[in-house]
Amino acid sequence: MVNKTKEILSKETAIAVKAELAKYADTFAVEDTQKILKEVVNKVASDLLKKWLNENIDKVAREILREELDKTIRKQLAKNRKK
C-alpha cells in the first residue's frame, strides 16, 4: 500500500544536495543562506505535496476505506457466527 517511511529524500539524494550546497557555504552568510534554503524547500515541498495529493489522495482514501470496511465486515461476520 503506502510507503510508511518518513524520509522525503533518499539518503543518496540528501548527501548529493548537501555536497552541492557545501560548495557555496563560504560565498554566502550562513544565516541568510539557511533562511533562503528553508523558504525554497518549503515552497517546492508544498508544491510537490499539493500535486501528489491532488493526483493520489482519492486512491489512498479508497484503499484505506476498503481495508477498514473489510476488517469491519470480517469482525461482524465472526461475531455473527458465534451466536
Foldseek 3Di string as FASTA:
>chain_A
DDDPDPDPDDPVVVVVVVVVVVVCPVVDDPVVVVVVVVVVCVVVVVVVVVVCCVVPVVVVVVVVVVVVVVVVVVVVVVVVVVD
